[in-house]
Amino acid sequence: MVLAFALVLEGAPWLAAYRQFNRMRGERGVLEGVQRGKDPTVIAVLFEDSAAMVGLVVAFVGIAPYQITGNPVYDAVASIVIGLILGVTAMWLAFETKGLLIGESANREVVAEIRRLAERYPAVERMNEVLTMHMGPEYILANISLDIACDVPRTRAHAIMDELDARIKAADRRVKRVFIESQNTCAPA
């Protein structure tokens, strides 16, 4: 009875976390949603609650035969399995949220869109690099290095950078800060 009651109590927050996770992952699969999800609190609650519910089921599977047979091995094995579940959950959670704690780049689609937007300008001769970092679930910082043709007037070059900044932010609302620099070395006029 105690384990069934605990399962009901753990099930309610798990269901709420799973619904939030479904909204966050969109059309992606569960594993891809976990890997690409950028809100560590939702993932942490979902992992913790999932581990707790699986642990309760394992506890029931270990205690029931112990109660029936009187053999404590079932209970001991269930305790070991629960410990392993908690350990694996902790390691997986640490692995999945590590990037968000120390900084993780935006996914390839975001970087490709930034490159595509910059390359639309004929004055941009070359894209050197696009560096991105998630500062939070809905906050991406982008640092772009490009070469603008030497014959482009300085005022036009600055206008291109301002336009590109605005277009990048409009294309993906998560991109909040954009730093653009032109690295080509033009001979002074």
N, C-alpha and C. Protein backbone atom coordinates (compact mmCIF):
# COMPACT_ATOMS: atom_id res chain seq x y z
N MET A 1 0.83 -1.19 0.00
CA MET A 1 0.00 0.00 0.00
C MET A 1 0.87 1.26 0.00
N VAL A 2 1.92 1.24 0.79
CA VAL A 2 2.80 2.40 0.87
C VAL A 2 3.46 2.66 -0.48
N LEU A 3 3.93 1.60 -1.14
CA LEU A 3 4.58 1.77 -2.44
C LEU A 3 3.58 2.24 -3.50
N ALA A 4 2.36 1.74 -3.46
CA ALA A 4 1.34 2.18 -4.41
C ALA A 4 1.01 3.66 -4.18
N PHE A 5 0.90 4.07 -2.93
CA PHE A 5 0.63 5.47 -2.61
C PHE A 5 1.80 6.36 -3.06
N ALA A 6 3.03 5.89 -2.84
CA ALA A 6 4.21 6.64 -3.26
C ALA A 6 4.25 6.76 -4.79
N LEU A 7 3.84 5.70 -5.48
CA LEU A 7 3.81 5.73 -6.94
C LEU A 7 2.81 6.77 -7.45
N VAL A 8 1.67 6.87 -6.80
CA VAL A 8 0.67 7.88 -7.18
C VAL A 8 1.23 9.28 -6.91
N LEU A 9 1.87 9.46 -5.75
CA LEU A 9 2.45 10.78 -5.42
C LEU A 9 3.58 11.17 -6.37
N GLU A 10 4.38 10.22 -6.81
CA GLU A 10 5.46 10.51 -7.76
C GLU A 10 4.90 10.67 -9.17
N GLY A 11 3.81 9.99 -9.45
CA GLY A 11 3.24 10.02 -10.80
C GLY A 11 2.70 11.39 -11.20
N ALA A 12 2.12 12.12 -10.27
CA ALA A 12 1.54 13.43 -10.59
C ALA A 12 2.61 14.43 -11.07
N PRO A 13 3.70 14.63 -10.33
CA PRO A 13 4.72 15.55 -10.85
C PRO A 13 5.42 15.02 -12.10
N TRP A 14 5.54 13.68 -12.21
CA TRP A 14 6.15 13.11 -13.41
C TRP A 14 5.29 13.45 -14.63
N LEU A 15 3.98 13.32 -14.50
CA LEU A 15 3.08 13.62 -15.60
C LEU A 15 3.18 15.09 -16.00
N ALA A 16 3.25 15.98 -15.02
CA ALA A 16 3.40 17.42 -15.32
C ALA A 16 4.73 17.68 -16.03
N ALA A 17 5.81 17.06 -15.55
CA ALA A 17 7.13 17.23 -16.18
C ALA A 17 7.13 16.66 -17.59
N TYR A 18 6.48 15.52 -17.78
CA TYR A 18 6.44 14.90 -19.11
C TYR A 18 5.65 15.76 -20.09
N ARG A 19 4.56 16.37 -19.64
CA ARG A 19 3.79 17.27 -20.51
C ARG A 19 4.63 18.48 -20.90
N GLN A 20 5.35 19.05 -19.95
CA GLN A 20 6.22 20.20 -20.24
C GLN A 20 7.32 19.78 -21.21
N PHE A 21 7.88 18.60 -20.99
CA PHE A 21 8.93 18.09 -21.88
C PHE A 21 8.38 17.90 -23.29
N ASN A 22 7.17 17.38 -23.43
CA ASN A 22 6.56 17.20 -24.75
C ASN A 22 6.39 18.53 -25.47
N ARG A 23 5.99 19.56 -24.73
CA ARG A 23 5.88 20.89 -25.36
C ARG A 23 7.26 21.38 -25.81
N MET A 24 8.27 21.11 -25.00
CA MET A 24 9.62 21.57 -25.30
C MET A 24 10.22 20.82 -26.49
N ARG A 25 9.99 19.53 -26.59
CA ARG A 25 10.62 18.73 -27.65
C ARG A 25 9.92 18.85 -28.98
N GLY A 26 8.65 19.25 -28.99
CA GLY A 26 7.92 19.42 -30.25
C GLY A 26 7.75 18.11 -30.98
N GLU A 27 8.18 18.08 -32.23
CA GLU A 27 8.01 16.89 -33.08
C GLU A 27 9.16 15.89 -32.96
N ARG A 28 10.18 16.23 -32.20
CA ARG A 28 11.32 15.33 -32.07
C ARG A 28 10.97 14.11 -31.23
N GLY A 29 11.76 13.06 -31.39
CA GLY A 29 11.61 11.88 -30.55
C GLY A 29 12.07 12.17 -29.13
N VAL A 30 11.81 11.24 -28.23
CA VAL A 30 12.14 11.45 -26.82
C VAL A 30 13.64 11.62 -26.62
N LEU A 31 14.45 10.71 -27.19
CA LEU A 31 15.91 10.82 -26.99
C LEU A 31 16.47 12.09 -27.62
N GLU A 32 16.01 12.42 -28.82
CA GLU A 32 16.47 13.65 -29.46
C GLU A 32 16.01 14.87 -28.67
N GLY A 33 14.81 14.80 -28.11
CA GLY A 33 14.31 15.89 -27.28
C GLY A 33 15.16 16.11 -26.04
N VAL A 34 15.63 15.01 -25.44
CA VAL A 34 16.51 15.12 -24.27
C VAL A 34 17.86 15.70 -24.69
N GLN A 35 18.40 15.21 -25.81
CA GLN A 35 19.72 15.67 -26.25
C GLN A 35 19.71 17.12 -26.71
N ARG A 36 18.61 17.57 -27.32
CA ARG A 36 18.57 18.92 -27.87
C ARG A 36 17.80 19.89 -26.99
N GLY A 37 17.20 19.39 -25.92
CA GLY A 37 16.48 20.26 -25.00
C GLY A 37 17.43 21.20 -24.29
N LYS A 38 17.01 22.43 -24.13
CA LYS A 38 17.90 23.43 -23.54
C LYS A 38 17.41 23.93 -22.18
N ASP A 39 16.41 23.27 -21.61
CA ASP A 39 15.94 23.68 -20.29
C ASP A 39 16.29 22.57 -19.31
N PRO A 40 17.41 22.72 -18.58
CA PRO A 40 17.86 21.64 -17.71
C PRO A 40 16.91 21.33 -16.57
N THR A 41 16.08 22.28 -16.15
CA THR A 41 15.18 22.01 -15.03
C THR A 41 14.12 20.99 -15.44
N VAL A 42 13.56 21.11 -16.63
CA VAL A 42 12.54 20.17 -17.09
C VAL A 42 13.14 18.78 -17.21
N ILE A 43 14.32 18.69 -17.81
CA ILE A 43 14.97 17.40 -18.00
C ILE A 43 15.34 16.79 -16.65
N ALA A 44 15.84 17.59 -15.73
CA ALA A 44 16.22 17.08 -14.41
C ALA A 44 15.01 16.54 -13.66
N VAL A 45 13.91 17.26 -13.66
CA VAL A 45 12.71 16.79 -12.97
C VAL A 45 12.19 15.52 -13.62
N LEU A 46 12.19 15.48 -14.96
CA LEU A 46 11.71 14.30 -15.66
C LEU A 46 12.58 13.08 -15.34
N PHE A 47 13.90 13.24 -15.37
CA PHE A 47 14.81 12.13 -15.06
C PHE A 47 14.62 11.66 -13.62
N GLU A 48 14.59 12.60 -12.69
CA GLU A 48 14.48 12.25 -11.28
C GLU A 48 13.17 11.53 -10.99
N ASP A 49 12.09 12.06 -11.51
CA ASP A 49 10.79 11.43 -11.27
C ASP A 49 10.68 10.07 -11.96
N SER A 50 11.26 9.95 -13.15
CA SER A 50 11.24 8.66 -13.85
C SER A 50 12.03 7.62 -13.05
N ALA A 51 13.20 8.01 -12.56
CA ALA A 51 14.01 7.09 -11.76
C ALA A 51 13.28 6.70 -10.48
N ALA A 52 12.61 7.66 -9.86
CA ALA A 52 11.87 7.36 -8.63
C ALA A 52 10.74 6.36 -8.89
N MET A 53 10.04 6.56 -10.00
CA MET A 53 8.92 5.64 -10.30
C MET A 53 9.43 4.24 -10.64
N VAL A 54 10.50 4.16 -11.43
CA VAL A 54 11.08 2.85 -11.74
C VAL A 54 11.60 2.20 -10.46
N GLY A 55 12.21 3.00 -9.59
CA GLY A 55 12.70 2.47 -8.31
C GLY A 55 11.57 1.93 -7.44
N LEU A 56 10.43 2.59 -7.45
CA LEU A 56 9.28 2.10 -6.68
C LEU A 56 8.77 0.77 -7.23
N VAL A 57 8.74 0.64 -8.54
CA VAL A 57 8.32 -0.62 -9.15
C VAL A 57 9.31 -1.73 -8.80
N VAL A 58 10.61 -1.43 -8.88
CA VAL A 58 11.63 -2.42 -8.52
C VAL A 58 11.51 -2.80 -7.04
N ALA A 59 11.25 -1.82 -6.19
CA ALA A 59 11.06 -2.11 -4.76
C ALA A 59 9.89 -3.07 -4.56
N PHE A 60 8.81 -2.83 -5.26
CA PHE A 60 7.64 -3.72 -5.15
C PHE A 60 8.00 -5.13 -5.63
N VAL A 61 8.70 -5.21 -6.76
CA VAL A 61 9.10 -6.52 -7.31
C VAL A 61 10.05 -7.23 -6.35
N GLY A 62 10.85 -6.51 -5.58
CA GLY A 62 11.76 -7.14 -4.62
C GLY A 62 11.09 -7.48 -3.30
N ILE A 63 10.18 -6.63 -2.84
CA ILE A 63 9.54 -6.85 -1.54
C ILE A 63 8.46 -7.93 -1.61
N ALA A 64 7.72 -7.98 -2.69
CA ALA A 64 6.62 -8.97 -2.81
C ALA A 64 7.13 -10.41 -2.65
N PRO A 65 8.17 -10.82 -3.41
CA PRO A 65 8.63 -12.20 -3.20
C PRO A 65 9.26 -12.42 -1.82
N TYR A 66 9.86 -11.37 -1.27
CA TYR A 66 10.40 -11.48 0.08
C TYR A 66 9.28 -11.74 1.09
N GLN A 67 8.18 -11.02 0.94
CA GLN A 67 7.03 -11.22 1.85
C GLN A 67 6.44 -12.62 1.69
N ILE A 68 6.42 -13.11 0.47
CA ILE A 68 5.82 -14.43 0.20
C ILE A 68 6.74 -15.55 0.66
N THR A 69 8.03 -15.47 0.33
CA THR A 69 8.97 -16.57 0.61
C THR A 69 9.75 -16.39 1.91
N GLY A 70 9.90 -15.17 2.35
CA GLY A 70 10.73 -14.92 3.53
C GLY A 70 12.21 -14.87 3.20
N ASN A 71 12.57 -14.99 1.93
CA ASN A 71 13.96 -14.97 1.51
C ASN A 71 14.40 -13.51 1.30
N PRO A 72 15.34 -13.00 2.10
CA PRO A 72 15.75 -11.59 2.02
C PRO A 72 16.59 -11.26 0.78
N VAL A 73 16.98 -12.28 0.01
CA VAL A 73 17.79 -12.03 -1.18
C VAL A 73 17.02 -11.15 -2.17
N TYR A 74 15.71 -11.38 -2.30
CA TYR A 74 14.90 -10.58 -3.23
C TYR A 74 14.94 -9.09 -2.86
N ASP A 75 14.81 -8.83 -1.60
CA ASP A 75 14.84 -7.44 -1.13
C ASP A 75 16.23 -6.83 -1.35
N ALA A 76 17.27 -7.60 -1.09
CA ALA A 76 18.64 -7.11 -1.27
C ALA A 76 18.93 -6.82 -2.74
N VAL A 77 18.51 -7.72 -3.62
CA VAL A 77 18.74 -7.52 -5.05
C VAL A 77 17.99 -6.27 -5.52
N ALA A 78 16.75 -6.10 -5.06
CA ALA A 78 15.98 -4.91 -5.42
C ALA A 78 16.69 -3.64 -4.95
N SER A 79 17.27 -3.67 -3.75
CA SER A 79 18.00 -2.51 -3.23
C SER A 79 19.20 -2.18 -4.10
N ILE A 80 19.91 -3.20 -4.54
CA ILE A 80 21.07 -2.99 -5.41
C ILE A 80 20.64 -2.41 -6.76
N VAL A 81 19.56 -2.96 -7.32
CA VAL A 81 19.06 -2.46 -8.60
C VAL A 81 18.61 -1.00 -8.47
N ILE A 82 17.96 -0.66 -7.38
CA ILE A 82 17.54 0.74 -7.15
C ILE A 82 18.76 1.65 -7.07
N GLY A 83 19.80 1.21 -6.38
CA GLY A 83 21.04 2.00 -6.31
C GLY A 83 21.65 2.20 -7.70
N LEU A 84 21.63 1.14 -8.52
CA LEU A 84 22.16 1.27 -9.88
C LEU A 84 21.31 2.24 -10.71
N ILE A 85 20.00 2.17 -10.56
CA ILE A 85 19.10 3.09 -11.28
C ILE A 85 19.43 4.53 -10.90
N LEU A 86 19.59 4.79 -9.62
CA LEU A 86 19.91 6.15 -9.17
C LEU A 86 21.28 6.60 -9.68
N GLY A 87 22.25 5.70 -9.66
CA GLY A 87 23.59 6.04 -10.15
C GLY A 87 23.59 6.35 -11.64
N VAL A 88 22.94 5.49 -12.44
CA VAL A 88 22.87 5.71 -13.89
C VAL A 88 22.11 7.01 -14.18
N THR A 89 21.04 7.26 -13.45
CA THR A 89 20.27 8.49 -13.65
C THR A 89 21.13 9.71 -13.36
N ALA A 90 21.88 9.68 -12.28
CA ALA A 90 22.75 10.81 -11.93
C ALA A 90 23.81 11.05 -13.00
N MET A 91 24.41 9.96 -13.50
CA MET A 91 25.43 10.13 -14.54
C MET A 91 24.82 10.66 -15.84
N TRP A 92 23.67 10.12 -16.24
CA TRP A 92 23.03 10.55 -17.47
C TRP A 92 22.60 12.02 -17.36
N LEU A 93 22.07 12.37 -16.21
CA LEU A 93 21.64 13.75 -15.99
C LEU A 93 22.85 14.70 -16.04
N ALA A 94 23.94 14.30 -15.42
CA ALA A 94 25.15 15.13 -15.45
C ALA A 94 25.66 15.28 -16.88
N PHE A 95 25.64 14.21 -17.64
CA PHE A 95 26.10 14.25 -19.02
C PHE A 95 25.22 15.15 -19.88
N GLU A 96 23.90 15.04 -19.73
CA GLU A 96 22.97 15.80 -20.56
C GLU A 96 22.93 17.29 -20.22
N THR A 97 23.18 17.65 -18.97
CA THR A 97 23.09 19.07 -18.58
C THR A 97 24.45 19.76 -18.52
N LYS A 98 25.53 19.00 -18.63
CA LYS A 98 26.88 19.57 -18.56
C LYS A 98 27.07 20.69 -19.56
N GLY A 99 26.65 20.48 -20.81
CA GLY A 99 26.83 21.49 -21.84
C GLY A 99 26.14 22.80 -21.52
N LEU A 100 24.98 22.71 -20.89
CA LEU A 100 24.26 23.94 -20.55
C LEU A 100 24.89 24.66 -19.37
N LEU A 101 25.58 23.91 -18.52
CA LEU A 101 26.22 24.54 -17.36
C LEU A 101 27.53 25.23 -17.74
N ILE A 102 28.27 24.64 -18.68
CA ILE A 102 29.56 25.22 -19.05
C ILE A 102 29.51 25.94 -20.39
N GLY A 103 28.37 25.90 -21.05
CA GLY A 103 28.21 26.56 -22.35
C GLY A 103 28.17 25.56 -23.47
N GLU A 104 27.14 25.63 -24.27
CA GLU A 104 26.95 24.69 -25.36
C GLU A 104 26.61 25.48 -26.62
N SER A 105 27.17 25.07 -27.74
CA SER A 105 26.88 25.79 -28.98
C SER A 105 25.46 25.48 -29.45
N ALA A 106 24.93 26.36 -30.27
CA ALA A 106 23.61 26.15 -30.85
C ALA A 106 23.70 25.00 -31.84
N ASN A 107 22.55 24.43 -32.17
CA ASN A 107 22.56 23.29 -33.08
C ASN A 107 22.95 23.71 -34.50
N ARG A 108 23.24 22.71 -35.33
CA ARG A 108 23.75 22.95 -36.67
C ARG A 108 22.79 23.76 -37.53
N GLU A 109 21.48 23.58 -37.32
CA GLU A 109 20.50 24.31 -38.12
C GLU A 109 20.59 25.81 -37.88
N VAL A 110 20.79 26.21 -36.64
CA VAL A 110 20.92 27.64 -36.31
C VAL A 110 22.17 28.21 -36.97
N VAL A 111 23.28 27.51 -36.87
CA VAL A 111 24.54 27.97 -37.46
C VAL A 111 24.40 28.04 -38.99
N ALA A 112 23.77 27.03 -39.59
CA ALA A 112 23.59 27.02 -41.05
C ALA A 112 22.72 28.20 -41.50
N GLU A 113 21.69 28.53 -40.72
CA GLU A 113 20.83 29.66 -41.07
C GLU A 113 21.59 30.98 -40.98
N ILE A 114 22.43 31.13 -39.98
CA ILE A 114 23.25 32.34 -39.85
C ILE A 114 24.18 32.46 -41.06
N ARG A 115 24.82 31.36 -41.44
CA ARG A 115 25.69 31.37 -42.62
C ARG A 115 24.91 31.74 -43.89
N ARG A 116 23.75 31.15 -44.05
CA ARG A 116 22.92 31.41 -45.23
C ARG A 116 22.54 32.88 -45.31
N LEU A 117 22.14 33.45 -44.17
CA LEU A 117 21.75 34.86 -44.16
C LEU A 117 22.93 35.77 -44.52
N ALA A 118 24.11 35.46 -44.02
CA ALA A 118 25.29 36.29 -44.30
C ALA A 118 25.72 36.17 -45.75
N GLU A 119 25.63 34.97 -46.29
CA GLU A 119 26.09 34.75 -47.66
C GLU A 119 25.15 35.33 -48.71
N ARG A 120 24.00 35.82 -48.29
CA ARG A 120 23.07 36.46 -49.22
C ARG A 120 23.57 37.84 -49.67
N TYR A 121 24.50 38.40 -48.94
CA TYR A 121 25.03 39.72 -49.27
C TYR A 121 26.18 39.56 -50.26
N PRO A 122 26.08 40.17 -51.44
CA PRO A 122 27.18 40.07 -52.41
C PRO A 122 28.49 40.66 -51.87
N ALA A 123 28.40 41.62 -50.98
CA ALA A 123 29.61 42.25 -50.43
C ALA A 123 30.37 41.32 -49.48
N VAL A 124 29.70 40.27 -48.97
CA VAL A 124 30.38 39.32 -48.08
C VAL A 124 31.12 38.32 -48.96
N GLU A 125 32.44 38.44 -48.96
CA GLU A 125 33.25 37.57 -49.79
C GLU A 125 33.41 36.17 -49.22
N ARG A 126 33.48 36.10 -47.89
CA ARG A 126 33.74 34.80 -47.26
C ARG A 126 33.27 34.82 -45.81
N MET A 127 32.71 33.68 -45.37
CA MET A 127 32.38 33.48 -43.96
C MET A 127 33.56 32.75 -43.34
N ASN A 128 34.18 33.35 -42.33
CA ASN A 128 35.31 32.70 -41.67
C ASN A 128 34.83 31.70 -40.63
N GLU A 129 34.02 32.15 -39.70
CA GLU A 129 33.48 31.24 -38.69
C GLU A 129 32.25 31.83 -38.05
N VAL A 130 31.43 30.93 -37.54
CA VAL A 130 30.24 31.30 -36.78
C VAL A 130 30.35 30.56 -35.45
N LEU A 131 30.52 31.30 -34.38
CA LEU A 131 30.59 30.71 -33.04
C LEU A 131 29.30 31.06 -32.31
N THR A 132 28.68 30.07 -31.71
CA THR A 132 27.45 30.30 -30.96
C THR A 132 27.55 29.67 -29.60
N MET A 133 26.79 30.21 -28.66
CA MET A 133 26.74 29.63 -27.32
C MET A 133 25.37 29.87 -26.71
N HIS A 134 24.81 28.82 -26.14
CA HIS A 134 23.57 28.96 -25.38
C HIS A 134 23.92 29.54 -24.02
N MET A 135 23.36 30.69 -23.73
CA MET A 135 23.54 31.30 -22.42
C MET A 135 22.40 30.89 -21.50
N GLY A 136 21.35 30.33 -22.06
CA GLY A 136 20.17 29.86 -21.35
C GLY A 136 19.30 29.13 -22.36
N PRO A 137 18.18 28.57 -21.92
CA PRO A 137 17.33 27.81 -22.84
C PRO A 137 16.85 28.63 -24.03
N GLU A 138 16.59 29.91 -23.82
CA GLU A 138 16.06 30.76 -24.88
C GLU A 138 16.97 31.96 -25.15
N TYR A 139 18.28 31.77 -25.00
CA TYR A 139 19.23 32.87 -25.18
C TYR A 139 20.48 32.32 -25.87
N ILE A 140 20.66 32.71 -27.13
CA ILE A 140 21.85 32.31 -27.88
C ILE A 140 22.67 33.55 -28.20
N LEU A 141 23.96 33.43 -27.99
CA LEU A 141 24.92 34.47 -28.36
C LEU A 141 25.64 34.00 -29.62
N ALA A 142 25.79 34.88 -30.62
CA ALA A 142 26.46 34.51 -31.86
C ALA A 142 27.62 35.48 -32.12
N ASN A 143 28.76 34.93 -32.50
CA ASN A 143 29.93 35.71 -32.87
C ASN A 143 30.30 35.29 -34.29
N ILE A 144 30.28 36.26 -35.21
CA ILE A 144 30.46 35.96 -36.63
C ILE A 144 31.68 36.69 -37.15
N SER A 145 32.53 35.94 -37.86
CA SER A 145 33.69 36.52 -38.51
C SER A 145 33.50 36.33 -40.01
N LEU A 146 33.59 37.43 -40.75
CA LEU A 146 33.41 37.37 -42.20
C LEU A 146 34.35 38.35 -42.88
N ASP A 147 34.44 38.22 -44.19
CA ASP A 147 35.24 39.16 -44.98
C ASP A 147 34.30 39.94 -45.88
N ILE A 148 34.34 41.26 -45.76
CA ILE A 148 33.57 42.14 -46.64
C ILE A 148 34.53 42.69 -47.68
N ALA A 149 34.09 42.72 -48.92
CA ALA A 149 34.94 43.16 -50.04
C ALA A 149 35.58 44.51 -49.74
N CYS A 150 36.82 44.66 -50.16
CA CYS A 150 37.58 45.88 -49.87
C CYS A 150 37.01 47.12 -50.56
N ASP A 151 36.30 46.93 -51.68
CA ASP A 151 35.78 48.10 -52.39
C ASP A 151 34.44 48.60 -51.84
N VAL A 152 33.93 47.94 -50.79
CA VAL A 152 32.67 48.37 -50.17
C VAL A 152 32.98 49.51 -49.21
N PRO A 153 32.30 50.65 -49.35
CA PRO A 153 32.54 51.77 -48.43
C PRO A 153 32.26 51.37 -46.98
N ARG A 154 33.00 51.98 -46.09
CA ARG A 154 32.88 51.65 -44.66
C ARG A 154 31.45 51.80 -44.15
N THR A 155 30.75 52.86 -44.56
CA THR A 155 29.37 53.06 -44.10
C THR A 155 28.46 51.93 -44.59
N ARG A 156 28.69 51.47 -45.83
CA ARG A 156 27.88 50.34 -46.34
C ARG A 156 28.22 49.06 -45.59
N ALA A 157 29.50 48.86 -45.28
CA ALA A 157 29.91 47.66 -44.53
C ALA A 157 29.22 47.63 -43.16
N HIS A 158 29.17 48.78 -42.49
CA HIS A 158 28.49 48.85 -41.19
C HIS A 158 26.99 48.62 -41.35
N ALA A 159 26.41 49.14 -42.42
CA ALA A 159 24.98 48.93 -42.68
C ALA A 159 24.70 47.45 -42.92
N ILE A 160 25.57 46.76 -43.65
CA ILE A 160 25.40 45.32 -43.89
C ILE A 160 25.43 44.57 -42.56
N MET A 161 26.38 44.92 -41.70
CA MET A 161 26.48 44.25 -40.41
C MET A 161 25.24 44.51 -39.56
N ASP A 162 24.72 45.72 -39.58
CA ASP A 162 23.50 46.03 -38.82
C ASP A 162 22.30 45.27 -39.37
N GLU A 163 22.18 45.21 -40.70
CA GLU A 163 21.08 44.47 -41.32
C GLU A 163 21.18 42.98 -40.99
N LEU A 164 22.39 42.45 -41.10
CA LEU A 164 22.61 41.04 -40.80
C LEU A 164 22.25 40.73 -39.36
N ASP A 165 22.65 41.58 -38.44
CA ASP A 165 22.30 41.43 -37.03
C ASP A 165 20.78 41.33 -36.86
N ALA A 166 20.06 42.25 -37.48
CA ALA A 166 18.59 42.27 -37.36
C ALA A 166 17.97 41.03 -38.00
N ARG A 167 18.48 40.60 -39.14
CA ARG A 167 17.91 39.43 -39.82
C ARG A 167 18.14 38.13 -39.04
N ILE A 168 19.31 38.03 -38.45
CA ILE A 168 19.60 36.83 -37.64
C ILE A 168 18.65 36.77 -36.46
N LYS A 169 18.46 37.88 -35.77
CA LYS A 169 17.57 37.92 -34.61
C LYS A 169 16.12 37.67 -35.02
N ALA A 170 15.72 38.13 -36.20
CA ALA A 170 14.36 37.90 -36.66
C ALA A 170 14.15 36.45 -37.08
N ALA A 171 15.20 35.81 -37.61
CA ALA A 171 15.10 34.43 -38.07
C ALA A 171 14.97 33.45 -36.91
N ASP A 172 15.60 33.76 -35.78
CA ASP A 172 15.53 32.88 -34.61
C ASP A 172 15.48 33.77 -33.37
N ARG A 173 14.33 33.81 -32.74
CA ARG A 173 14.12 34.70 -31.58
C ARG A 173 15.01 34.35 -30.39
N ARG A 174 15.60 33.17 -30.38
CA ARG A 174 16.50 32.81 -29.28
C ARG A 174 17.83 33.54 -29.37
N VAL A 175 18.20 33.98 -30.58
CA VAL A 175 19.46 34.71 -30.75
C VAL A 175 19.26 36.12 -30.24
N LYS A 176 19.85 36.41 -29.12
CA LYS A 176 19.67 37.72 -28.46
C LYS A 176 20.83 38.68 -28.71
N ARG A 177 22.04 38.15 -28.82
CA ARG A 177 23.22 39.01 -29.01
C ARG A 177 24.00 38.50 -30.21
N VAL A 178 24.38 39.42 -31.10
CA VAL A 178 25.16 39.07 -32.28
C VAL A 178 26.35 40.02 -32.36
N PHE A 179 27.53 39.46 -32.47
CA PHE A 179 28.75 40.23 -32.66
C PHE A 179 29.31 39.86 -34.03
N ILE A 180 29.52 40.88 -34.88
CA ILE A 180 30.01 40.63 -36.23
C ILE A 180 31.30 41.42 -36.42
N GLU A 181 32.30 40.74 -36.98
CA GLU A 181 33.54 41.43 -37.29
C GLU A 181 34.00 41.03 -38.68
N SER A 182 34.56 41.99 -39.39
CA SER A 182 35.14 41.74 -40.70
C SER A 182 36.64 41.62 -40.51
N GLN A 183 37.21 40.52 -40.97
CA GLN A 183 38.63 40.26 -40.71
C GLN A 183 39.53 40.46 -41.91
N ASN A 184 38.97 40.79 -43.06
CA ASN A 184 39.86 40.94 -44.21
C ASN A 184 40.77 42.16 -44.01
N THR A 185 41.92 42.07 -44.61
CA THR A 185 42.90 43.15 -44.49
C THR A 185 42.97 43.90 -45.81
N CYS A 186 42.27 45.00 -45.87
CA CYS A 186 42.26 45.83 -47.06
C CYS A 186 43.38 46.87 -46.94
N ALA A 187 44.03 47.11 -48.04
CA ALA A 187 45.08 48.14 -48.03
C ALA A 187 44.42 49.50 -47.83
N PRO A 188 45.03 50.39 -47.03
CA PRO A 188 44.43 51.71 -46.81
C PRO A 188 44.34 52.49 -48.12
N ALA A 189 43.24 53.22 -48.25
CA ALA A 189 43.03 54.03 -49.48
C ALA A 189 43.99 55.19 -49.53
